[in-house]
Protein backbone atom coordinates (compact mmCIF):
# COMPACT_ATOMS: atom_id res chain seq x y z
CA MET A 1 41.69 16.75 -56.44
CA SER A 2 39.29 16.82 -53.46
CA ARG A 3 40.49 19.15 -50.67
CA PRO A 4 39.36 18.98 -47.04
CA GLN A 5 38.11 22.55 -47.15
CA ASP A 6 35.76 21.58 -50.01
CA SER A 7 34.11 18.86 -47.87
CA PRO A 8 30.91 19.32 -45.82
CA LEU A 9 33.03 19.86 -42.68
CA GLY A 10 32.22 23.11 -40.85
CA LYS A 11 29.31 23.92 -43.17
CA SER A 12 25.55 23.79 -42.82
CA ALA A 13 24.27 20.66 -44.49
CA VAL A 14 20.78 19.81 -45.64
CA TYR A 15 19.57 16.55 -44.10
CA ILE A 16 18.95 14.14 -46.95
CA ASP A 17 16.90 11.10 -45.91
CA GLN A 18 16.78 9.31 -49.23
CA TYR A 19 19.70 7.12 -50.27
CA ASP A 20 22.40 9.19 -52.02
CA ALA A 21 25.89 7.75 -52.65
CA SER A 22 27.09 11.11 -54.03
CA LEU A 23 27.26 12.42 -50.43
CA LEU A 24 30.52 10.53 -49.83
CA PHE A 25 33.51 12.87 -50.05
CA PRO A 26 36.90 11.20 -50.74
CA ILE A 27 40.18 12.90 -49.83
CA ALA A 28 43.42 11.70 -51.39
CA ARG A 29 45.91 10.12 -49.05
CA ALA A 30 48.88 11.06 -51.29
CA VAL A 31 49.19 14.73 -50.26
CA LYS A 32 49.77 14.11 -46.59
CA ARG A 33 51.88 11.03 -47.28
CA ALA A 34 54.16 13.11 -49.47
CA GLU A 35 54.73 15.42 -46.47
CA LEU A 36 55.96 12.40 -44.54
CA GLY A 37 58.21 11.17 -47.30
CA ILE A 38 56.00 8.21 -48.11
CA SER A 39 56.18 7.16 -51.74
CA ALA A 40 53.92 4.92 -53.76
CA GLU A 41 55.56 1.94 -52.04
CA LEU A 42 54.11 2.08 -48.54
CA PRO A 43 56.36 1.27 -45.58
CA PHE A 44 53.43 -0.21 -43.71
CA LEU A 45 50.35 -2.41 -44.02
CA GLY A 46 47.05 -2.00 -42.26
CA ALA A 47 43.58 -0.50 -42.48
CA ASP A 48 41.24 2.10 -41.06
CA MET A 49 38.52 0.41 -39.01
CA TRP A 50 35.30 2.38 -38.67
CA SER A 51 32.29 1.73 -36.46
CA ALA A 52 28.88 3.29 -37.17
CA TYR A 53 26.34 3.53 -34.38
CA GLU A 54 23.58 5.39 -36.29
CA LEU A 55 22.46 3.20 -39.16
CA SER A 56 18.80 2.78 -40.05
CA TRP A 57 16.69 2.03 -43.11
CA LEU A 58 13.15 0.88 -43.98
CA ASN A 59 12.16 -2.65 -44.89
CA LEU A 60 9.83 -3.21 -47.86
CA ARG A 61 6.78 -2.63 -45.64
CA GLY A 62 8.14 0.72 -44.49
CA LYS A 63 9.12 -0.44 -40.98
CA PRO A 64 12.36 1.08 -39.65
CA GLN A 65 15.32 -1.19 -39.11
CA VAL A 66 18.35 -0.31 -36.96
CA ALA A 67 21.87 -1.78 -36.83
CA LEU A 68 25.45 -1.18 -36.00
CA ALA A 69 28.08 -1.44 -38.71
CA HIS A 70 31.80 -2.04 -38.87
CA PHE A 71 33.87 -1.07 -41.93
CA THR A 72 37.42 -1.93 -42.88
CA VAL A 73 39.20 0.36 -45.38
CA PRO A 74 42.63 -0.90 -46.47
CA CYS A 75 45.42 1.64 -46.12
CA GLU A 76 46.38 0.93 -49.72
CA SER A 77 43.25 2.74 -50.93
CA LEU A 78 43.85 6.00 -52.75
CA ASN A 79 41.48 7.95 -50.54
CA ILE A 80 40.08 8.34 -47.07
CA ILE A 81 36.44 9.25 -46.62
CA GLU A 82 35.73 12.51 -44.85
CA SER A 83 33.77 11.56 -41.76
CA LYS A 84 30.95 14.12 -41.92
CA SER A 85 30.23 13.09 -45.48
CA PHE A 86 30.16 9.47 -44.27
CA LYS A 87 27.64 10.45 -41.62
CA LEU A 88 25.44 12.29 -44.16
CA TYR A 89 25.63 9.26 -46.48
CA LEU A 90 24.59 6.85 -43.76
CA ASN A 91 21.73 9.18 -42.74
CA SER A 92 20.49 9.08 -46.35
CA PHE A 93 19.46 5.44 -45.81
CA CYS A 94 16.90 6.56 -43.25
CA ASN A 95 13.78 6.71 -45.44
CA SER A 96 14.92 4.38 -48.20
CA ARG A 97 13.55 0.85 -48.53
CA PHE A 98 15.75 -2.24 -48.85
CA ALA A 99 14.69 -5.86 -49.31
CA ASP A 100 16.92 -7.14 -46.48
CA VAL A 101 20.14 -6.57 -44.61
CA GLU A 102 22.17 -8.17 -47.39
CA ALA A 103 20.87 -5.52 -49.82
CA VAL A 104 22.07 -2.82 -47.42
CA LYS A 105 25.42 -4.47 -47.03
CA THR A 106 25.90 -4.79 -50.79
CA CYS A 107 25.04 -1.17 -51.28
CA LEU A 108 27.46 0.00 -48.58
CA ARG A 109 30.30 -2.15 -49.87
CA ARG A 110 29.84 -0.93 -53.44
CA ASP A 111 29.59 2.77 -52.61
CA LEU A 112 32.45 2.85 -50.14
CA SER A 113 34.71 0.89 -52.50
CA GLU A 114 34.00 3.42 -55.26
CA ALA A 115 34.70 6.36 -52.96
CA VAL A 116 38.03 5.18 -51.60
CA SER A 117 39.13 4.00 -55.05
CA HIS A 118 38.09 7.17 -56.87
CA GLY A 119 40.62 7.58 -59.65
CA GLY A 120 42.13 4.11 -59.33
CA ASN A 121 41.55 0.41 -59.24
CA PRO A 122 38.65 -0.78 -57.04
CA THR A 123 39.56 -1.41 -53.40
CA PRO A 124 37.47 -3.98 -51.57
CA ILE A 125 35.90 -2.73 -48.35
CA GLY A 126 34.99 -4.95 -45.41
CA VAL A 127 31.40 -4.44 -44.16
CA ARG A 128 29.88 -6.15 -41.16
CA ILE A 129 26.38 -5.28 -39.98
CA VAL A 130 25.28 -6.15 -36.42
CA LEU A 131 21.53 -6.48 -35.88
CA PRO A 132 19.81 -5.61 -32.56
CA GLU A 133 19.52 -9.21 -31.37
CA LEU A 134 23.34 -9.30 -31.26
CA PHE A 135 23.92 -5.89 -29.68
CA ASP A 136 24.63 -7.31 -26.26
CA ARG A 137 27.47 -9.39 -27.72
CA GLU A 138 29.38 -6.27 -28.72
CA PRO A 139 32.36 -6.23 -26.37
CA MET A 140 34.24 -3.32 -24.77
CA HIS A 141 37.93 -3.56 -23.86
CA GLU A 142 40.80 -1.17 -23.21
CA LEU A 143 43.95 -1.36 -25.28
CA ASP A 144 46.42 -3.86 -23.79
CA GLY A 145 49.94 -2.78 -22.86
CA LEU A 146 52.10 -0.98 -20.38
CA ASN A 147 50.42 2.37 -19.64
CA LEU A 148 52.68 5.32 -20.34
CA ASP A 149 50.28 7.67 -18.56
CA ARG A 150 51.61 6.39 -15.22
CA LEU A 151 54.72 8.53 -15.81
CA ASP A 152 54.91 11.91 -14.06
CA VAL A 153 56.39 13.89 -16.94
CA GLU A 154 56.58 17.61 -17.65
CA CYS A 155 54.86 18.50 -20.92
CA SER A 156 55.42 21.74 -22.77
CA ARG A 157 55.22 20.81 -26.46
CA TYR A 158 51.79 20.74 -28.09
CA THR A 159 52.64 20.39 -31.76
CA PRO A 160 54.39 17.22 -33.04
CA ALA A 161 57.98 17.11 -31.81
CA PRO A 162 59.62 13.95 -33.17
CA GLU A 163 62.97 15.06 -31.70
CA LEU A 164 61.54 13.88 -28.33
CA LEU A 165 61.78 10.31 -29.57
CA THR A 166 64.99 8.49 -28.51
CA VAL A 167 66.12 5.03 -27.56
CA VAL A 168 67.72 4.00 -24.26
CA PRO A 169 71.53 3.96 -24.83
CA GLY A 170 73.08 0.56 -24.42
CA ALA A 171 69.80 -1.15 -23.50
CA ALA A 172 69.19 -4.68 -24.73
CA PRO A 173 66.65 -5.04 -27.54
CA VAL A 174 63.09 -5.51 -26.33
CA THR A 175 59.69 -6.52 -27.54
CA GLU A 176 56.99 -4.54 -25.76
CA VAL A 177 53.56 -2.97 -26.04
CA LEU A 178 52.99 0.60 -24.78
CA VAL A 179 49.65 2.44 -24.54
CA SER A 180 48.42 5.92 -23.77
CA GLY A 181 45.01 7.52 -23.44
CA LEU A 182 46.41 11.06 -23.82
CA LEU A 183 46.33 11.34 -27.58
CA LYS A 184 44.43 14.39 -28.80
CA SER A 185 44.51 16.24 -32.07
CA ASN A 186 42.18 18.61 -33.91
CA CYS A 187 40.13 18.40 -37.10
CA PRO A 188 42.13 20.28 -39.76
CA VAL A 189 39.01 22.08 -41.05
CA THR A 190 36.83 22.84 -38.02
CA GLY A 191 39.44 22.80 -35.26
CA GLN A 192 37.18 20.56 -33.19
CA PRO A 193 39.04 18.15 -30.84
CA ASP A 194 39.62 14.51 -31.64
CA TRP A 195 40.28 12.35 -28.58
CA GLY A 196 42.03 9.01 -28.78
CA SER A 197 43.99 6.19 -27.22
CA VAL A 198 47.05 4.71 -28.90
CA GLN A 199 48.87 1.40 -28.72
CA ILE A 200 52.46 1.04 -29.89
CA SER A 201 53.91 -2.44 -30.33
CA TYR A 202 57.54 -2.83 -31.39
CA SER A 203 60.67 -4.93 -31.33
CA GLY A 204 64.12 -3.40 -31.31
CA ALA A 205 66.12 -0.87 -29.32
CA GLN A 206 64.17 0.12 -26.21
CA ILE A 207 62.26 3.37 -26.74
CA GLU A 208 62.70 5.94 -23.95
CA GLN A 209 59.23 6.03 -22.43
CA GLU A 210 59.11 9.54 -21.01
CA GLY A 211 60.10 11.03 -24.36
CA LEU A 212 57.52 8.86 -26.11
CA LEU A 213 54.72 10.06 -23.81
CA GLN A 214 55.79 13.69 -24.29
CA TYR A 215 55.82 13.10 -28.05
CA LEU A 216 52.26 11.68 -27.99
CA VAL A 217 51.08 14.65 -25.89
CA SER A 218 52.71 17.00 -28.46
CA TYR A 219 49.83 16.22 -30.87
CA ARG A 220 47.44 18.14 -28.59
CA ASN A 221 47.17 21.26 -30.78
CA HIS A 222 47.97 19.52 -34.09
CA ASN A 223 45.47 19.78 -36.94
CA GLU A 224 45.24 16.55 -38.97
CA PHE A 225 42.81 13.73 -39.67
CA HIS A 226 42.94 10.58 -37.57
CA GLU A 227 44.44 8.40 -40.33
CA GLN A 228 47.14 11.01 -41.02
CA CYS A 229 48.09 11.35 -37.35
CA VAL A 230 48.64 7.64 -36.99
CA GLU A 231 50.78 7.50 -40.13
CA ARG A 232 52.82 10.47 -38.80
CA ILE A 233 53.35 8.69 -35.49
CA PHE A 234 54.40 5.52 -37.28
CA MET A 235 56.86 7.33 -39.57
CA ASP A 236 58.38 9.35 -36.72
CA LEU A 237 58.96 6.22 -34.65
CA TRP A 238 60.24 4.31 -37.65
CA THR A 239 62.70 7.10 -38.56
CA HIS A 240 63.90 8.21 -35.11
CA CYS A 241 63.91 4.90 -33.16
CA ARG A 242 64.50 2.45 -36.04
CA PRO A 243 62.66 -0.55 -34.58
CA ILE A 244 62.90 -3.91 -36.28
CA LYS A 245 59.10 -4.26 -36.15
CA LEU A 246 56.50 -1.58 -35.44
CA THR A 247 52.72 -1.39 -35.11
CA VAL A 248 50.75 1.77 -34.27
CA TYR A 249 47.03 1.42 -33.50
CA ALA A 250 44.74 4.23 -32.37
CA ARG A 251 41.11 4.26 -31.30
CA TYR A 252 39.38 7.64 -31.47
CA THR A 253 36.18 8.62 -29.71
CA ARG A 254 33.17 8.84 -31.93
CA ARG A 255 31.78 11.99 -33.57
CA GLY A 256 28.56 12.06 -35.52
CA GLY A 257 27.90 8.41 -34.58
CA LEU A 258 31.17 7.25 -36.12
CA ASP A 259 34.57 6.27 -34.71
CA ILE A 260 37.74 5.79 -36.75
CA ASN A 261 40.48 3.40 -35.66
CA PRO A 262 43.61 3.42 -37.86
CA PHE A 263 46.04 0.48 -37.70
CA ARG A 264 49.51 0.53 -39.31
CA THR A 265 52.15 -2.20 -39.06
CA SER A 266 55.55 -2.79 -40.64
CA CYS A 267 55.04 -6.54 -41.04
CA PRO A 268 52.10 -8.76 -41.99
CA ARG A 269 49.79 -9.47 -39.07
CA ALA A 270 46.08 -9.84 -38.55
CA LEU A 271 43.99 -6.76 -37.88
CA PRO A 272 42.92 -6.45 -34.23
CA PRO A 273 39.26 -7.09 -33.52
CA ASN A 274 37.27 -3.90 -33.83
CA ILE A 275 36.39 -3.66 -30.12
CA ARG A 276 35.52 -0.26 -28.68
CA THR A 277 37.08 1.23 -25.59
CA ALA A 278 35.08 2.72 -22.72
CA ARG A 279 35.41 6.23 -24.09
CA GLN A 280 34.07 5.22 -27.44
């Protein structure tokens, strides 16, 4: 089993500029999910949406090509991809020649599918490549919802404290969307900070907002990958507040030219458009 400490994270890495799919380092989702009491039957649907801002290759005449790329990794996949290995893999396209953008896309889709499916049935990966002539159509938008950060709360917990999550006694059921830009956690290997914004959509007993904001702030010194943090938030809300419907969506700032944006929902719904926020 691949362990985070065996990945390229926190280690000197040789820059490889010729295409090499073996650079991708998968990490099994099952270990962290077991900690949360998640069995093989997932209590949520969703995906991890990645954006890559440093993608380049050579055409058949040796002229560099540049692009942005968006990737969609279903949460049902057996593995996540460690982000530094993803960066190294994308960098390996730099001095490799491809016939056209479709050849690049086919290569990306195949390699990423094999990595996230390592040890199981193939998982299809969504790949969208944006060429320079369409760069100015890439939108930017903040997460919609009522901003929890407006609340003047005292914060003293900086590791996840799900006991802070409560519902308002006697309140009528609600459907609402709450957001915060105060999510921060740390890489579990290097300890480097991961900054993010989170959107929580739910229907059910009204969640007490001050406690929810304090709970989100409590991730500040927590060491866990982006995808795992979002699943922990989902499960804590699902267990402690018992909503009828729940969606948790986070957008993290980029590192190494990549951002990761996990989306988990209790009921079938379309993925949100992969639109970056100002901090990304």
